[in-house]
Protein backbone atom coordinates (compact mmCIF):
# COMPACT_ATOMS: atom_id res chain seq x y z
CA UNK A 1 8.94 -9.91 -6.59
CA UNK A 2 10.56 -6.46 -6.61
CA UNK A 3 9.72 -3.59 -8.93
CA UNK A 4 13.10 -3.96 -10.64
CA UNK A 5 12.64 -7.68 -11.27
CA UNK A 6 9.12 -7.18 -12.65
CA UNK A 7 10.11 -4.32 -14.93
CA UNK A 8 13.68 -5.16 -15.98
CA UNK A 9 12.90 -5.06 -19.73
CA UNK A 10 10.94 -1.82 -19.36
CA UNK A 11 13.74 -0.19 -17.39
CA UNK A 12 16.19 -0.71 -20.23
CA UNK A 13 14.23 1.53 -22.59
CA UNK A 14 13.37 4.68 -20.66
CA UNK A 15 14.29 8.03 -22.17
CA UNK A 16 13.75 10.44 -19.27
CA UNK A 17 12.46 10.74 -15.72
CA UNK A 18 10.58 13.67 -14.20
CA UNK A 19 9.60 14.09 -10.58
CA UNK A 20 6.26 15.74 -9.71
CA UNK A 21 5.19 16.83 -6.24
CA UNK A 22 1.91 17.70 -4.55
CA UNK A 23 3.05 20.46 -2.19
CA UNK A 24 -0.38 21.00 -0.63
CA UNK A 25 -0.07 18.33 2.06
CA UNK A 26 1.98 18.49 5.27
CA UNK A 27 4.47 16.06 3.76
CA UNK A 28 4.82 16.69 0.01
CA UNK A 29 3.80 13.67 -2.08
CA UNK A 30 6.04 12.73 -5.01
CA UNK A 31 5.22 10.84 -8.22
CA UNK A 32 7.73 9.74 -10.87
CA UNK A 33 6.99 10.16 -14.59
CA UNK A 34 8.97 7.90 -16.93
CA UNK A 35 9.09 8.66 -20.65
CA UNK A 36 9.95 5.59 -22.72
CA UNK A 37 11.68 5.42 -26.10
CA UNK A 38 8.54 3.74 -27.51
CA UNK A 39 6.59 6.96 -26.91
CA UNK A 40 4.73 5.83 -23.80
CA UNK A 41 4.60 7.77 -20.53
CA UNK A 42 4.04 6.05 -17.20
CA UNK A 43 3.44 7.65 -13.83
CA UNK A 44 4.71 5.64 -10.82
CA UNK A 45 4.12 6.05 -7.09
CA UNK A 46 7.42 5.30 -5.28
CA UNK A 47 5.66 5.11 -1.88
CA UNK A 48 3.41 2.29 -3.13
CA UNK A 49 6.12 0.01 -4.50
CA UNK A 50 6.22 1.88 -7.83
CA UNK A 51 2.62 1.03 -8.62
CA UNK A 52 1.45 2.52 -11.92
CA UNK A 53 -0.79 5.51 -11.22
CA UNK A 54 -1.48 6.54 -14.82
CA UNK A 55 -0.15 5.75 -18.29
CA UNK A 56 -0.68 7.24 -21.74
CA UNK A 57 0.98 7.58 -25.12
CA UNK A 58 0.66 11.36 -25.00
CA UNK A 59 2.86 13.41 -22.68
CA UNK A 60 0.30 16.22 -22.52
CA UNK A 61 -2.38 13.83 -21.21
CA UNK A 62 -0.13 12.71 -18.38
CA UNK A 63 0.85 16.30 -17.64
CA UNK A 64 -2.83 17.36 -17.59
CA UNK A 65 -3.58 14.48 -15.20
CA UNK A 66 -0.89 15.75 -12.83
CA UNK A 67 -1.86 19.41 -13.10
CA UNK A 68 -5.52 18.56 -12.49
CA UNK A 69 -4.51 17.11 -9.13
CA UNK A 70 -2.37 20.20 -8.46
CA UNK A 71 1.01 18.50 -8.82
CA UNK A 72 3.94 20.68 -9.84
CA UNK A 73 7.01 19.52 -11.67
CA UNK A 74 10.27 19.53 -9.80
CA UNK A 75 12.55 21.60 -11.98
CA UNK A 76 14.69 19.59 -14.34
CA UNK A 77 14.61 16.20 -15.94
CA UNK A 78 17.03 13.31 -15.65
CA UNK A 79 17.96 12.04 -19.07
CA UNK A 80 20.41 9.35 -20.05
CA UNK A 81 21.89 8.15 -23.31
CA UNK A 82 19.75 5.11 -24.17
CA UNK A 83 22.18 3.85 -26.82
CA UNK A 84 25.01 3.64 -24.29
CA UNK A 85 22.85 1.54 -21.95
CA UNK A 86 21.87 -1.01 -24.59
CA UNK A 87 25.28 -2.63 -24.48
CA UNK A 88 25.49 -2.68 -20.69
CA UNK A 89 23.57 -5.00 -18.38
CA UNK A 90 21.04 -3.18 -16.18
CA UNK A 91 21.58 -5.36 -13.14
CA UNK A 92 24.74 -7.26 -12.35
């Protein structure tokens, strides 16, 4: 089962996405941080089928986890209007 099928309900309630990169390796390694409207923060690894790497209810804890492993945030944050998405189906 795909990541999208497993997490369809969760995907409908995200508030923002941040990308973090470990630039120390030959090929920079990227992780995706998803902030949810319920106040949870989940870190996903796109190269491992979006496996959850770390999750917490405190943004600073997730950020500290990333900084401890020398990840840096890619400038900017993708944010979408959650209210507008509630009335639209996620997947057709």
